[in-house]
Amino acid sequence: MGLFRSFWLGGFESAHHINQRGVRLDLVSATQHDVLVDEDYARLRRHGFRTVREGMRWPLIDRQRRLDFSSVEPMLAAAERHGIEIIWSLCHYGWPEDLDHYSAAFVGRFARYAAAAARFIADRSDAVPFYTPINEISFFAWAAAEVGYIHPRERERGARLKAQLVRAAIAAMEAIWEVDPRARMVHVDPLIHVVTPAGRPDLARAAADQRASQFDAWDMLAGGLQPELGGHPRYLDIIGLNYYHANQWEYPDQRLRWEDDPRDPRWMSLHLLLREVYHRYGRPLLISETSHFGAGRSRWLCEVAGEVHRARESGVPVEGLCIYPVIDRPDWDDPEHWHHSGLWDLRPGSGDRLERVACEEYLEALGQAQALLPA
C-alpha cells in the first residue's frame, strides 16, 4: 500500500499573499475552485486521482481573533462525496495583516489556528490527516525577506524569517498532534541544482552555498541546523519536493535551459537529485509540485515520470507525484495573464463562470505516465 490513496495527486493553487502591487491574492477564489470544487474533484476521480493538495487561507479564516472555517467546509464535503484525500497547507505565504511576523505572537497565533484546523478536520473525518504547516519555508523566506519579491518585501532578512517560520511550523505540529496524534506532516520546498559558471572557479563556493540552502528548512526542522529553534527528527516526516523547468541554474541566476537539445551537460537528472535527498534524510519523498506551461507540458510530464520511475526502481521511496496546478492559474502579478499550465485550462463561459477546458495532449501524456507509475 502506498502512503497516499493514489500515487497521482492534483494540486490546486492556493497562494494567499500580498503581491508586488500591494494586492492580496486569493488563487482559490480566482480560479473559482471554491465554488466549483465538487466538479473539480469529480473530474480528477475520472482520471485516477484520489489525493489532492489544498490550502486553507489563514488570513481569510483568522479575522479579529475569531476563527471561521466555513471556507474549508465545501472542500471537505466534496472530498467525502468523491473519496478524495486532502493534504492541507495551513499557510501559503499569507498571514493576518495585524500580526508582526517576527513576534512571539505570530508563533502562538499560528499554533492556535493549526490546532483549531486539526480539530475541525478531525470532527468531520476519520481518515489519517496530512498537513503542510507552512508551504515552502525556504522559498517563502527568500521571496519575502531576502529579495523583496512578495510581502513584506524585505531584503537581506531571509535567514531571520526562515528561522521564525521554522519556529511557527514546530509549534503548529505540536498543536496538531495534541488534537490528533495520527497526523502526518509534509514539508515542502523547491528541489534545486546550482552549478559554477564556466571558467569561474572562484565562484564555486558561492554556487555550492546557494545549492545547499535548499536543505536549510528541513535541517532546521530536524534539529541539525540551529538546534536552538527546537528542531527534532520527529518533525521531519514526509519531504515534499517542488520541481520545475527553472530549478537548475548557473550561479547566481542563469537558468540551465531544459528545453535545449542537446541539454547543458551540467544538468543533473531528477532521479539523481531525488536519490541525494533520500540519502540525506532517509524519509519518504513526494514530488509535491511539478508542471510546465503551453506546448511543453506533455514532454515535461513524461520526462519527470520517467525519472521518478527510475528513482523508485533504485530504491528511492517516492510516494507520489503531484501535478500542480492541476487546473490553470493566473499570474501572481498580472491577473489577466493565465499560464496554461494545468490539465485543464480556464476560459470564460456563461455568465461569470470559468469553464474547465481539457488540454487533450497533456491528458494523453498523463495516461502514458500513469501506465509507468500506476495510480
Protein backbone atom coordinates (compact mmCIF):
# COMPACT_ATOMS: atom_id res chain seq x y z
CA MET A 1 0.00 0.00 0.00
CA GLY A 2 1.22 3.47 -0.82
CA LEU A 3 1.40 6.33 1.62
CA PHE A 4 -1.47 8.19 -0.10
CA ARG A 5 -4.75 6.99 -1.57
CA SER A 6 -3.33 7.46 -5.05
CA PHE A 7 0.19 7.85 -6.36
CA TRP A 8 -1.03 10.67 -8.60
CA LEU A 9 -2.04 13.87 -6.84
CA GLY A 10 -3.75 17.01 -8.08
CA GLY A 11 -2.62 20.33 -6.63
CA PHE A 12 -4.84 23.42 -6.51
CA GLU A 13 -3.02 26.76 -6.37
CA SER A 14 -3.83 28.45 -3.06
CA ALA A 15 -1.34 31.33 -2.76
CA HIS A 16 -2.80 33.97 -0.45
CA HIS A 17 -0.07 36.59 -0.06
CA ILE A 18 0.13 40.28 -0.93
CA ASN A 19 1.78 40.68 -4.33
CA GLN A 20 4.12 43.35 -5.68
CA ARG A 21 1.17 45.60 -6.47
CA GLY A 22 0.01 45.51 -2.86
CA VAL A 23 -2.97 43.29 -3.70
CA ARG A 24 -3.95 40.34 -1.52
CA LEU A 25 -4.14 37.28 -3.77
CA ASP A 26 -6.72 34.55 -3.41
CA LEU A 27 -5.98 31.98 -6.09
CA VAL A 28 -8.61 29.56 -4.76
CA SER A 29 -11.25 32.18 -5.50
CA ALA A 30 -9.61 33.50 -8.69
CA THR A 31 -9.84 30.03 -10.28
CA GLN A 32 -13.38 29.54 -8.87
CA HIS A 33 -12.20 26.36 -7.21
CA ASP A 34 -14.02 27.47 -4.07
CA VAL A 35 -17.40 27.25 -5.84
CA LEU A 36 -16.59 24.51 -8.40
CA VAL A 37 -14.73 22.16 -6.08
CA ASP A 38 -17.29 19.37 -6.46
CA GLU A 39 -16.88 19.38 -10.24
CA ASP A 40 -13.12 19.64 -9.93
CA TYR A 41 -12.93 16.59 -7.68
CA ALA A 42 -15.29 14.57 -9.88
CA ARG A 43 -13.10 15.40 -12.87
CA LEU A 44 -9.96 14.28 -11.04
CA ARG A 45 -11.51 10.98 -9.94
CA ARG A 46 -12.27 10.13 -13.56
CA HIS A 47 -8.54 10.40 -14.28
CA GLY A 48 -7.27 8.31 -11.38
CA PHE A 49 -6.61 10.99 -8.74
CA ARG A 50 -7.72 10.26 -5.18
CA THR A 51 -5.37 12.62 -3.32
CA VAL A 52 -5.11 16.40 -3.67
CA ARG A 53 -3.17 19.32 -2.22
CA GLU A 54 -5.33 22.17 -0.95
CA GLY A 55 -4.68 25.33 1.02
CA MET A 56 -6.52 26.79 3.95
CA ARG A 57 -6.43 30.57 3.71
CA TRP A 58 -5.15 31.71 7.09
CA PRO A 59 -5.93 35.45 6.60
CA LEU A 60 -9.47 34.56 5.48
CA ILE A 61 -10.06 32.19 8.42
CA ASP A 62 -8.40 34.19 11.21
CA ARG A 63 -10.18 37.55 11.45
CA GLN A 64 -10.08 39.66 14.62
CA ARG A 65 -9.05 36.61 16.63
CA ARG A 66 -12.18 34.73 15.51
CA LEU A 67 -11.62 31.56 13.52
CA ASP A 68 -14.12 30.82 10.76
CA PHE A 69 -13.57 27.61 8.77
CA SER A 70 -16.65 27.97 6.56
CA SER A 71 -14.35 28.36 3.51
CA VAL A 72 -12.99 24.86 4.18
CA GLU A 73 -16.35 23.13 4.53
CA PRO A 74 -17.15 22.82 0.78
CA MET A 75 -13.83 21.11 0.13
CA LEU A 76 -14.36 18.62 2.95
CA ALA A 77 -17.89 17.85 1.79
CA ALA A 78 -16.79 17.36 -1.83
CA ALA A 79 -13.86 15.20 -0.72
CA GLU A 80 -16.24 12.96 1.24
CA ARG A 81 -18.57 12.60 -1.74
CA HIS A 82 -15.80 11.66 -4.15
CA GLY A 83 -13.47 9.65 -1.91
CA ILE A 84 -10.72 12.28 -2.10
CA GLU A 85 -7.92 12.61 0.46
CA ILE A 86 -6.59 16.11 1.14
CA ILE A 87 -3.11 17.29 2.13
CA TRP A 88 -3.80 20.66 3.77
CA SER A 89 -1.37 23.60 3.55
CA LEU A 90 -2.09 25.85 6.53
CA CYS A 91 -0.04 28.83 5.37
CA HIS A 92 0.63 29.52 1.70
CA TYR A 93 2.70 32.72 2.05
CA GLY A 94 -0.08 34.82 3.61
CA TRP A 95 -0.76 35.70 7.26
CA PRO A 96 -3.22 38.06 9.02
CA GLU A 97 -2.21 41.66 8.47
CA ASP A 98 -2.45 42.62 12.14
CA LEU A 99 0.41 40.24 13.03
CA ASP A 100 4.09 41.17 13.32
CA HIS A 101 5.72 38.26 11.53
CA TYR A 102 8.81 38.35 13.77
CA SER A 103 6.91 38.43 17.06
CA ALA A 104 6.25 35.63 19.54
CA ALA A 105 2.57 36.34 18.94
CA PHE A 106 2.98 35.16 15.32
CA VAL A 107 4.12 31.73 16.51
CA GLY A 108 1.45 31.44 19.18
CA ARG A 109 -1.39 32.53 16.94
CA PHE A 110 -0.34 30.21 14.14
CA ALA A 111 -0.27 27.29 16.60
CA ARG A 112 -3.75 28.22 17.84
CA TYR A 113 -5.04 28.32 14.28
CA ALA A 114 -3.35 24.99 13.45
CA ALA A 115 -4.95 23.31 16.48
CA ALA A 116 -8.37 24.65 15.51
CA ALA A 117 -7.88 23.45 11.92
CA ALA A 118 -6.93 19.98 13.13
CA ARG A 119 -9.98 19.88 15.39
CA PHE A 120 -12.22 21.00 12.53
CA ILE A 121 -10.87 18.22 10.28
CA ALA A 122 -10.92 15.53 12.99
CA ASP A 123 -14.57 16.27 13.81
CA ARG A 124 -15.51 15.63 10.18
CA SER A 125 -13.29 12.75 9.07
CA ASP A 126 -11.94 9.51 10.49
CA ALA A 127 -9.10 9.35 7.97
CA VAL A 128 -5.46 9.95 8.93
CA PRO A 129 -4.91 13.66 8.16
CA PHE A 130 -1.98 15.17 6.27
CA TYR A 131 -0.75 18.73 6.82
CA THR A 132 1.86 21.07 5.39
CA PRO A 133 2.16 23.63 8.20
CA ILE A 134 3.97 26.27 6.13
CA ASN A 135 4.38 25.92 2.38
CA GLU A 136 7.95 26.28 1.07
CA ILE A 137 9.66 27.71 4.15
CA SER A 138 12.98 28.28 2.38
CA PHE A 139 11.42 29.81 -0.75
CA PHE A 140 8.96 31.83 1.34
CA ALA A 141 11.80 33.37 3.37
CA TRP A 142 13.83 34.11 0.24
CA ALA A 143 10.94 35.70 -1.66
CA ALA A 144 9.51 37.72 1.22
CA ALA A 145 12.57 38.77 3.18
CA GLU A 146 15.72 38.26 1.11
CA VAL A 147 14.96 39.71 -2.34
CA GLY A 148 11.74 41.65 -1.69
CA TYR A 149 9.60 39.78 -4.23
CA ILE A 150 6.44 39.31 -2.13
CA HIS A 151 5.04 40.88 1.05
CA PRO A 152 6.56 42.23 3.25
CA ARG A 153 9.19 42.84 0.51
CA GLU A 154 12.17 42.96 2.85
CA ARG A 155 15.78 42.50 1.84
CA GLU A 156 18.65 40.59 3.42
CA ARG A 157 16.48 39.30 6.27
CA GLY A 158 15.72 35.90 4.79
CA ALA A 159 17.63 33.96 7.45
CA ARG A 160 15.66 35.67 10.21
CA LEU A 161 12.30 34.95 8.60
CA LYS A 162 13.30 31.35 7.82
CA ALA A 163 14.07 30.74 11.50
CA GLN A 164 10.76 32.32 12.54
CA LEU A 165 8.80 30.18 10.09
CA VAL A 166 10.50 27.06 11.42
CA ARG A 167 9.52 28.05 14.97
CA ALA A 168 5.95 28.52 13.84
CA ALA A 169 5.88 25.20 11.97
CA ILE A 170 7.17 23.32 15.02
CA ALA A 171 4.61 24.97 17.28
CA ALA A 172 1.87 24.15 14.77
CA MET A 173 2.87 20.48 14.58
CA GLU A 174 2.81 20.13 18.35
CA ALA A 175 -0.60 21.80 18.46
CA ILE A 176 -1.94 19.50 15.74
CA TRP A 177 -0.64 16.36 17.45
CA GLU A 178 -2.33 17.43 20.69
CA VAL A 179 -5.60 17.21 18.76
CA ASP A 180 -4.79 14.19 16.56
CA PRO A 181 -1.60 12.20 17.23
CA ARG A 182 -2.07 10.30 13.95
CA ALA A 183 -1.46 13.40 11.80
CA ARG A 184 1.28 13.19 9.17
CA MET A 185 3.37 16.19 8.15
CA VAL A 186 4.56 17.00 4.61
CA HIS A 187 7.30 19.64 4.49
CA VAL A 188 7.54 21.18 1.03
CA ASP A 189 10.32 23.19 -0.61
CA PRO A 190 11.89 23.50 -4.08
CA LEU A 191 14.39 20.90 -5.24
CA ILE A 192 17.21 22.78 -6.99
CA HIS A 193 20.63 22.30 -8.57
CA VAL A 194 23.17 25.14 -8.91
CA VAL A 195 26.42 24.92 -10.89
CA THR A 196 29.57 27.03 -11.03
CA PRO A 197 29.93 29.33 -14.07
CA ALA A 198 32.40 28.02 -16.63
CA GLY A 199 35.86 29.44 -16.09
CA ARG A 200 34.98 30.89 -12.66
CA PRO A 201 36.38 28.51 -10.03
CA ASP A 202 36.39 31.49 -7.65
CA LEU A 203 32.58 31.22 -7.57
CA ALA A 204 32.49 27.51 -6.74
CA ARG A 205 31.93 28.09 -3.02
CA ALA A 206 29.18 30.62 -3.63
CA ALA A 207 27.42 28.23 -6.02
CA ALA A 208 27.73 25.37 -3.54
CA ASP A 209 26.36 27.52 -0.71
CA GLN A 210 23.41 28.61 -2.82
CA ARG A 211 22.65 25.00 -3.71
CA ALA A 212 22.97 23.86 -0.09
CA SER A 213 20.48 26.48 1.07
CA GLN A 214 17.65 24.28 -0.25
CA PHE A 215 18.22 22.00 2.75
CA ASP A 216 18.05 24.72 5.42
CA ALA A 217 14.43 24.39 6.48
CA TRP A 218 14.49 20.60 6.57
CA ASP A 219 17.74 20.65 8.55
CA MET A 220 16.26 23.17 11.00
CA LEU A 221 13.11 21.12 11.47
CA ALA A 222 15.19 18.01 12.13
CA GLY A 223 17.41 19.83 14.64
CA GLY A 224 20.65 19.55 12.68
CA LEU A 225 20.85 23.29 11.95
CA GLN A 226 20.18 25.96 14.58
CA PRO A 227 19.05 23.45 17.22
CA GLU A 228 18.04 26.34 19.48
CA LEU A 229 14.88 26.61 17.32
CA GLY A 230 13.68 23.35 18.87
CA GLY A 231 14.01 21.04 15.88
CA HIS A 232 13.97 17.27 16.27
CA PRO A 233 13.96 14.34 13.81
CA ARG A 234 10.31 13.61 14.68
CA TYR A 235 9.27 16.83 12.95
CA LEU A 236 10.73 15.77 9.60
CA ASP A 237 8.14 13.28 8.43
CA ILE A 238 7.46 13.36 4.66
CA ILE A 239 9.57 15.56 2.37
CA GLY A 240 7.76 17.32 -0.47
CA LEU A 241 9.87 18.40 -3.45
CA ASN A 242 8.70 21.09 -5.85
CA TYR A 243 10.41 20.72 -9.22
CA TYR A 244 10.04 22.83 -12.37
CA HIS A 245 11.99 23.52 -15.53
CA ALA A 246 13.70 26.55 -13.94
CA ASN A 247 15.01 24.71 -10.87
CA GLN A 248 18.53 24.29 -12.22
CA TRP A 249 20.78 27.23 -12.91
CA GLU A 250 24.30 28.58 -13.15
CA TYR A 251 25.25 30.75 -10.20
CA PRO A 252 23.86 33.25 -9.46
CA ASP A 253 20.74 33.16 -11.65
CA GLN A 254 21.39 31.97 -15.23
CA ARG A 255 18.88 29.22 -15.96
CA LEU A 256 20.09 25.94 -17.45
CA ARG A 257 17.75 25.51 -20.38
CA TRP A 258 15.77 22.31 -20.01
CA GLU A 259 14.25 22.75 -23.47
CA ASP A 260 17.60 22.73 -25.32
CA ASP A 261 18.69 19.70 -27.33
CA PRO A 262 21.38 18.79 -26.58
CA ARG A 263 20.97 19.92 -23.00
CA ASP A 264 23.70 21.58 -20.96
CA PRO A 265 25.90 18.70 -19.71
CA ARG A 266 25.82 20.22 -16.22
CA TRP A 267 22.10 19.49 -15.95
CA MET A 268 21.54 16.84 -13.27
CA SER A 269 18.92 14.17 -13.87
CA LEU A 270 15.98 14.28 -11.49
CA HIS A 271 16.46 10.70 -10.27
CA LEU A 272 19.93 11.65 -9.01
CA LEU A 273 18.58 14.69 -7.16
CA LEU A 274 15.90 12.52 -5.56
CA ARG A 275 18.48 9.96 -4.51
CA GLU A 276 20.57 12.70 -2.91
CA VAL A 277 17.66 13.95 -0.79
CA TYR A 278 16.70 10.44 0.28
CA HIS A 279 20.24 9.54 1.28
CA ARG A 280 20.49 12.78 3.26
CA TYR A 281 17.29 12.32 5.27
CA GLY A 282 16.03 8.76 4.91
CA ARG A 283 12.45 9.98 4.70
CA PRO A 284 9.67 9.18 2.21
CA LEU A 285 9.55 11.66 -0.66
CA LEU A 286 6.74 13.29 -2.62
CA ILE A 287 7.01 15.28 -5.83
CA SER A 288 4.71 17.89 -4.32
CA GLU A 289 4.64 20.23 -7.32
CA THR A 290 5.56 19.81 -10.95
CA SER A 291 4.23 21.04 -14.28
CA HIS A 292 5.16 23.08 -17.30
CA PHE A 293 3.22 25.50 -19.49
CA GLY A 294 1.96 25.69 -23.04
CA ALA A 295 3.23 23.17 -25.56
CA GLY A 296 5.93 21.86 -23.20
CA ARG A 297 3.51 20.34 -20.71
CA SER A 298 3.39 16.84 -22.17
CA ARG A 299 7.13 16.47 -22.74
CA TRP A 300 7.87 17.69 -19.22
CA LEU A 301 5.44 15.29 -17.56
CA CYS A 302 6.76 12.30 -19.49
CA GLU A 303 10.34 13.15 -18.52
CA VAL A 304 9.51 13.66 -14.84
CA ALA A 305 7.52 10.42 -14.72
CA GLY A 306 10.41 8.52 -16.29
CA GLU A 307 12.87 9.99 -13.80
CA VAL A 308 10.61 9.18 -10.84
CA HIS A 309 10.20 5.63 -12.13
CA ARG A 310 13.98 5.32 -12.37
CA ALA A 311 14.38 6.62 -8.80
CA ARG A 312 11.80 4.18 -7.45
CA GLU A 313 13.43 1.29 -9.29
CA SER A 314 16.69 2.14 -7.50
CA GLY A 315 15.01 2.03 -4.09
CA VAL A 316 14.18 5.70 -3.51
CA PRO A 317 10.72 5.82 -1.86
CA VAL A 318 8.95 8.42 -3.97
CA GLU A 319 5.38 8.04 -2.69
CA GLY A 320 3.55 10.32 -5.09
CA LEU A 321 3.66 12.81 -7.93
CA CYS A 322 1.53 15.94 -7.77
CA ILE A 323 0.58 17.86 -10.93
CA TYR A 324 0.49 21.45 -9.74
CA PRO A 325 -1.54 23.28 -10.72
CA VAL A 326 -3.94 20.66 -11.96
CA ILE A 327 -6.23 23.44 -13.24
CA ASP A 328 -4.75 26.58 -14.73
CA ARG A 329 -3.88 29.65 -12.66
CA PRO A 330 -3.43 33.37 -13.29
CA ASP A 331 -0.11 35.09 -12.78
CA TRP A 332 0.58 36.45 -9.30
CA ASP A 333 1.30 39.96 -10.56
CA ASP A 334 -0.85 40.10 -13.71
CA PRO A 335 -4.32 38.61 -13.15
CA GLU A 336 -5.09 38.92 -16.87
CA HIS A 337 -2.26 36.52 -17.78
CA TRP A 338 -3.03 32.80 -17.48
CA HIS A 339 -0.11 30.36 -17.51
CA HIS A 340 -1.80 27.48 -19.41
CA SER A 341 -0.10 25.05 -17.08
CA GLY A 342 -2.91 22.74 -15.95
CA LEU A 343 -4.51 19.58 -17.25
CA TRP A 344 -7.47 21.89 -17.72
CA ASP A 345 -7.21 25.49 -18.91
CA LEU A 346 -9.75 28.02 -17.64
CA ARG A 347 -11.77 30.11 -20.06
CA PRO A 348 -14.74 32.45 -19.58
CA GLY A 349 -18.03 30.63 -20.01
CA SER A 350 -21.65 31.56 -19.49
CA GLY A 351 -22.12 34.35 -17.01
CA ASP A 352 -19.02 34.73 -14.87
CA ARG A 353 -18.21 31.03 -14.84
CA LEU A 354 -14.68 29.84 -15.69
CA GLU A 355 -15.05 26.73 -17.82
CA ARG A 356 -12.55 23.88 -17.45
CA VAL A 357 -11.22 23.06 -20.92
CA ALA A 358 -9.16 19.88 -21.18
CA CYS A 359 -5.69 20.01 -22.70
CA GLU A 360 -6.05 16.74 -24.61
CA GLU A 361 -2.35 16.34 -25.38
CA TYR A 362 -1.46 16.78 -21.71
CA LEU A 363 -4.15 14.30 -20.62
CA GLU A 364 -2.80 11.81 -23.15
CA ALA A 365 0.68 12.25 -21.67
CA LEU A 366 -0.81 11.73 -18.21
CA GLY A 367 -2.25 8.41 -19.36
CA GLN A 368 1.18 7.30 -20.61
CA ALA A 369 2.81 8.41 -17.35
CA GLN A 370 0.18 6.60 -15.27
CA ALA A 371 0.91 3.41 -17.17
CA LEU A 372 4.52 3.75 -15.99
CA LEU A 373 3.60 4.90 -12.48
CA PRO A 374 0.16 3.34 -11.82
CA ALA A 375 -2.43 5.39 -9.99
